[in-house]
Protein backbone atom coordinates (compact mmCIF):
# COMPACT_ATOMS: atom_id res chain seq x y z
CA UNK A 1 26.24 -140.03 -22.91
CA UNK A 2 25.21 -140.14 -19.31
CA UNK A 3 21.68 -141.24 -18.55
CA UNK A 4 20.71 -138.09 -16.74
CA UNK A 5 21.68 -136.01 -19.73
CA UNK A 6 19.40 -138.02 -21.96
CA UNK A 7 16.50 -137.51 -19.55
CA UNK A 8 17.09 -133.77 -19.46
CA UNK A 9 17.11 -133.51 -23.26
CA UNK A 10 13.90 -135.50 -23.49
CA UNK A 11 12.06 -133.26 -21.02
CA UNK A 12 13.28 -130.12 -22.78
CA UNK A 13 12.13 -131.36 -26.16
CA UNK A 14 8.68 -132.15 -24.76
CA UNK A 15 8.42 -128.62 -23.30
CA UNK A 16 9.34 -127.08 -26.64
CA UNK A 17 6.73 -129.14 -28.42
CA UNK A 18 4.06 -128.11 -25.85
CA UNK A 19 4.93 -124.42 -26.19
CA UNK A 20 4.77 -124.57 -29.95
CA UNK A 21 1.25 -126.11 -29.79
CA UNK A 22 -0.33 -123.50 -27.34
CA UNK A 23 -2.56 -121.77 -27.94
CA UNK A 24 -3.99 -124.37 -30.21
CA UNK A 25 -6.24 -123.67 -33.18
CA UNK A 26 -9.23 -124.52 -31.05
CA UNK A 27 -8.21 -121.93 -28.47
CA UNK A 28 -7.61 -119.32 -31.15
CA UNK A 29 -10.97 -120.03 -32.83
CA UNK A 30 -12.90 -119.75 -29.59
CA UNK A 31 -11.19 -116.49 -28.62
CA UNK A 32 -11.68 -114.84 -32.00
CA UNK A 33 -15.35 -115.89 -32.18
CA UNK A 34 -15.98 -114.49 -28.73
CA UNK A 35 -14.30 -111.22 -29.64
CA UNK A 36 -16.28 -110.98 -32.89
CA UNK A 37 -19.54 -111.69 -31.07
CA UNK A 38 -18.76 -109.06 -28.44
CA UNK A 39 -17.88 -106.52 -31.12
CA UNK A 40 -21.07 -107.29 -33.04
CA UNK A 41 -23.13 -106.86 -29.88
CA UNK A 42 -21.41 -103.58 -29.08
CA UNK A 43 -21.95 -102.28 -32.61
CA UNK A 44 -25.62 -103.24 -32.48
CA UNK A 45 -26.03 -101.41 -29.16
CA UNK A 46 -24.35 -98.30 -30.50
CA UNK A 47 -26.55 -98.30 -33.59
CA UNK A 48 -29.75 -98.25 -31.48
CA UNK A 49 -28.56 -95.62 -28.99
CA UNK A 50 -29.62 -92.54 -31.05
CA UNK A 51 -33.22 -93.76 -31.24
CA UNK A 52 -33.29 -94.42 -27.53
CA UNK A 53 -31.78 -91.01 -26.89
CA UNK A 54 -34.45 -89.37 -29.03
CA UNK A 55 -37.19 -91.22 -27.16
CA UNK A 56 -35.73 -90.28 -23.79
CA UNK A 57 -35.31 -86.69 -24.95
CA UNK A 58 -38.96 -86.51 -26.02
CA UNK A 59 -40.08 -87.88 -22.65
CA UNK A 60 -37.89 -85.41 -20.77
CA UNK A 61 -39.20 -82.54 -22.91
CA UNK A 62 -42.79 -83.52 -22.15
CA UNK A 63 -42.05 -83.71 -18.42
CA UNK A 64 -40.37 -80.30 -18.54
CA UNK A 65 -43.45 -78.83 -20.22
CA UNK A 66 -45.71 -80.36 -17.57
CA UNK A 67 -43.47 -78.98 -14.82
CA UNK A 68 -43.54 -75.54 -16.46
CA UNK A 69 -47.35 -75.59 -16.54
CA UNK A 70 -47.52 -76.65 -12.89
CA UNK A 71 -45.00 -73.95 -11.95
CA UNK A 72 -47.01 -71.25 -13.71
CA UNK A 73 -50.21 -72.43 -12.00
CA UNK A 74 -48.49 -72.31 -8.61
CA UNK A 75 -47.22 -68.80 -9.36
CA UNK A 76 -50.75 -67.66 -10.24
CA UNK A 77 -52.12 -69.16 -7.02
CA UNK A 78 -49.33 -67.54 -4.99
CA UNK A 79 -49.92 -64.17 -6.68
CA UNK A 80 -53.65 -64.30 -6.00
CA UNK A 81 -52.99 -65.20 -2.37
CA UNK A 82 -50.57 -62.27 -1.98
CA UNK A 83 -52.69 -59.70 -3.79
CA UNK A 84 -56.02 -60.65 -2.24
CA UNK A 85 -57.37 -57.71 -0.29
CA UNK A 86 -57.90 -58.62 3.37
CA UNK A 87 -61.35 -58.20 4.76
CA UNK A 88 -61.63 -55.26 7.13
CA UNK A 89 -64.50 -55.41 9.54
CA UNK A 90 -66.62 -52.30 9.47
CA UNK A 91 -67.89 -50.81 12.67
CA UNK A 92 -70.92 -49.49 10.80
CA UNK A 93 -73.83 -51.71 9.84
CA UNK A 94 -74.39 -52.52 6.18
CA UNK A 95 -77.97 -53.11 5.16
CA UNK A 96 -79.04 -54.95 2.02
CA UNK A 97 -82.65 -54.74 0.92
CA UNK A 98 -84.71 -57.44 -0.74
CA UNK A 99 -84.89 -55.56 -4.03
CA UNK A 100 -81.12 -55.23 -4.41
CA UNK A 101 -79.60 -55.70 -7.83
CA UNK A 102 -77.26 -58.50 -6.86
CA UNK A 103 -75.07 -61.08 -8.51
CA UNK A 104 -73.74 -64.22 -6.92
CA UNK A 105 -69.94 -64.35 -6.87
CA UNK A 106 -68.73 -67.55 -5.27
CA UNK A 107 -70.70 -67.83 -2.05
CA UNK A 108 -71.34 -64.09 -1.78
CA UNK A 109 -74.12 -61.91 -3.18
CA UNK A 110 -72.65 -58.62 -4.32
CA UNK A 111 -74.57 -55.51 -5.30
CA UNK A 112 -74.03 -54.54 -8.93
CA UNK A 113 -73.27 -50.83 -9.38
CA UNK A 114 -72.55 -48.80 -12.48
CA UNK A 115 -69.75 -46.42 -13.35
CA UNK A 116 -71.79 -43.52 -11.89
CA UNK A 117 -74.46 -43.66 -9.20
CA UNK A 118 -76.62 -41.44 -7.04
CA UNK A 119 -75.66 -41.46 -3.36
CA UNK A 120 -77.13 -39.85 -0.28
CA UNK A 121 -74.77 -38.21 2.24
CA UNK A 122 -75.74 -37.54 5.83
CA UNK A 123 -74.75 -34.99 6.84
CA UNK A 124 -75.74 -32.84 4.99
CA UNK A 125 -78.77 -34.96 4.05
CA UNK A 126 -78.44 -34.41 0.32
CA UNK A 127 -78.10 -36.39 -2.92
CA UNK A 128 -74.89 -36.29 -4.96
CA UNK A 129 -73.75 -37.88 -8.18
CA UNK A 130 -70.74 -40.09 -7.45
CA UNK A 131 -68.06 -41.53 -9.68
CA UNK A 132 -67.28 -45.20 -8.94
CA UNK A 133 -63.53 -45.75 -9.17
CA UNK A 134 -62.02 -49.12 -8.22
CA UNK A 135 -58.57 -47.70 -8.94
CA UNK A 136 -58.78 -45.24 -6.05
CA UNK A 137 -58.00 -46.58 -2.60
CA UNK A 138 -60.13 -44.06 -0.70
CA UNK A 139 -63.18 -41.92 -1.34
CA UNK A 140 -63.07 -38.13 -1.71
CA UNK A 141 -65.38 -35.10 -1.66
CA UNK A 142 -65.27 -31.80 -3.49
CA UNK A 143 -64.80 -29.61 -0.41
CA UNK A 144 -64.09 -25.88 -0.49
CA UNK A 145 -63.19 -23.35 2.21
CA UNK A 146 -61.74 -26.06 4.44
CA UNK A 147 -61.00 -24.76 7.94
CA UNK A 148 -59.63 -26.71 10.90
CA UNK A 149 -60.53 -25.90 14.49
CA UNK A 150 -60.88 -27.46 17.94
CA UNK A 151 -64.10 -28.28 19.74
CA UNK A 152 -64.19 -29.84 23.20
CA UNK A 153 -60.55 -30.85 22.88
CA UNK A 154 -61.07 -32.62 19.54
CA UNK A 155 -59.98 -31.62 16.08
CA UNK A 156 -62.82 -30.59 13.81
CA UNK A 157 -63.06 -29.30 10.27
CA UNK A 158 -65.58 -27.09 8.50
CA UNK A 159 -66.07 -27.05 4.73
CA UNK A 160 -68.52 -26.31 1.93
CA UNK A 161 -69.95 -28.94 -0.40
CA UNK A 162 -71.11 -28.11 -3.92
CA UNK A 163 -74.12 -29.99 -5.26
CA UNK A 164 -75.39 -29.62 -8.81
CA UNK A 165 -79.00 -29.24 -7.67
CA UNK A 166 -78.27 -26.90 -4.75
CA UNK A 167 -78.51 -23.14 -5.20
CA UNK A 168 -75.91 -22.38 -2.54
CA UNK A 169 -72.98 -24.39 -1.13
CA UNK A 170 -73.84 -26.74 1.72
CA UNK A 171 -71.86 -25.89 4.87
CA UNK A 172 -70.74 -28.79 7.07
CA UNK A 173 -68.80 -29.31 10.27
CA UNK A 174 -67.47 -32.74 11.24
CA UNK A 175 -64.81 -34.29 13.49
CA UNK A 176 -61.52 -34.84 11.69
CA UNK A 177 -60.56 -38.52 11.71
CA UNK A 178 -56.99 -38.11 10.44
CA UNK A 179 -54.91 -36.54 7.69
CA UNK A 180 -53.58 -38.10 4.50
CA UNK A 181 -50.89 -37.04 2.06
CA UNK A 182 -52.19 -36.10 -1.39
CA UNK A 183 -50.06 -35.38 -4.44
CA UNK A 184 -51.88 -33.68 -7.28
CA UNK A 185 -51.07 -34.87 -10.78
CA UNK A 186 -49.95 -31.40 -11.91
CA UNK A 187 -47.88 -30.61 -8.79
CA UNK A 188 -44.90 -32.32 -7.21
CA UNK A 189 -45.60 -30.91 -3.76
CA UNK A 190 -47.30 -33.26 -1.30
CA UNK A 191 -50.31 -31.82 0.52
CA UNK A 192 -51.88 -33.08 3.73
CA UNK A 193 -55.68 -33.20 3.55
CA UNK A 194 -58.19 -33.88 6.35
CA UNK A 195 -60.40 -36.97 6.40
CA UNK A 196 -63.95 -37.07 7.80
CA UNK A 197 -66.60 -39.77 8.19
CA UNK A 198 -70.05 -39.46 6.63
CA UNK A 199 -72.98 -41.84 6.31
CA UNK A 200 -73.50 -43.01 2.72
CA UNK A 201 -76.59 -44.59 1.17
CA UNK A 202 -76.38 -45.98 -2.36
CA UNK A 203 -79.94 -46.44 -3.59
CA UNK A 204 -81.83 -48.81 -1.33
CA UNK A 205 -78.96 -51.27 -1.36
CA UNK A 206 -76.03 -50.11 0.74
CA UNK A 207 -75.79 -47.97 3.84
CA UNK A 208 -72.56 -47.53 5.73
CA UNK A 209 -70.23 -44.97 7.27
CA UNK A 210 -67.34 -44.11 4.96
CA UNK A 211 -64.18 -42.03 5.23
CA UNK A 212 -63.84 -39.15 2.76
CA UNK A 213 -60.76 -37.10 1.95
CA UNK A 214 -61.61 -33.41 1.59
CA UNK A 215 -60.08 -32.17 -1.64
CA UNK A 216 -60.74 -29.77 -4.50
CA UNK A 217 -62.62 -31.60 -7.26
CA UNK A 218 -63.98 -28.54 -9.07
CA UNK A 219 -62.22 -29.64 -12.25
CA UNK A 220 -63.79 -33.09 -12.07
CA UNK A 221 -67.11 -34.13 -13.58
CA UNK A 222 -68.47 -35.51 -10.31
CA UNK A 223 -68.23 -33.96 -6.83
CA UNK A 224 -67.90 -37.34 -5.09
CA UNK A 225 -65.58 -40.25 -5.79
CA UNK A 226 -66.21 -43.64 -4.22
CA UNK A 227 -63.06 -45.76 -3.92
CA UNK A 228 -62.22 -49.28 -2.84
CA UNK A 229 -62.68 -48.50 0.85
CA UNK A 230 -66.41 -48.18 0.16
CA UNK A 231 -66.76 -50.79 -2.60
CA UNK A 232 -64.78 -53.64 -1.04
CA UNK A 233 -66.68 -56.85 -0.21
CA UNK A 234 -70.02 -55.25 -1.12
CA UNK A 235 -70.20 -54.41 -4.79
CA UNK A 236 -69.48 -55.62 -8.28
CA UNK A 237 -68.79 -52.73 -10.68
CA UNK A 238 -70.12 -52.86 -14.25
CA UNK A 239 -68.64 -49.88 -16.11
CA UNK A 240 -71.03 -50.42 -19.03
CA UNK A 241 -74.00 -49.19 -17.00
CA UNK A 242 -74.75 -46.18 -14.80
CA UNK A 243 -77.38 -44.91 -12.38
CA UNK A 244 -78.83 -48.37 -11.91
CA UNK A 245 -80.12 -47.62 -8.41
CA UNK A 246 -82.85 -45.14 -7.47
CA UNK A 247 -82.17 -42.19 -5.23
CA UNK A 248 -82.29 -43.15 -1.61
CA UNK A 249 -85.23 -41.58 0.18
CA UNK A 250 -84.80 -41.33 3.95
CA UNK A 251 -87.74 -42.32 6.08
CA UNK A 252 -89.85 -39.36 7.07
CA UNK A 253 -90.59 -39.17 10.75
CA UNK A 254 -94.00 -37.65 11.44
CA UNK A 255 -94.43 -36.18 14.89
CA UNK A 256 -97.92 -36.68 16.24
CA UNK A 257 -99.27 -34.78 19.24
């Protein structure tokens, strides 16, 4: 047999022996152990995942509740900011006496008034019982025989006021400030009513000029209704009390010779 053939057969036999011995037992043992360890670690991780998920879920739920509380608080603040009535400067002076029945609200001292109070209107210079109504935007008077006319190029209105302690209706004439649309509860038709300005004194506490809508209040218990336009920024209404302020008595001017 040629020498080169013998060398070729020897190399081939060595290659077959090497292939039959790889991977060795040591290689197989190491690979299997590593796989088993990896599987055990993975199984252990999977077994603890539900507890971790529950913990994370509880934390997320708590954060959602806190966010909901904060959101509701922000909504309340936003609502109060939107619904807060703006302060309207009055051109008429408002006088508060030392003996006012007041209550401190924040940094302001507000006059406490009841559900019904005595007021003094000028003109006509007479006392009237008034209903305090925070649900009404404007104030109104029980005016009858309302007539509109012109005087010196301005619109005026004449009307009669009914007072419980007056024997005859009180006749008044005043400049008409504007007109407002009024819809009576029992009628669908909208009616335009004149508005006048009168000086109002509530006890010895509040004096200011107020707009009144002239309307028919004969079916009401009180001839005068004071709404938010008069009460705003000045008063605190306690519906559990009434007539807490004395009748306003105008100062008497004595003419001396």
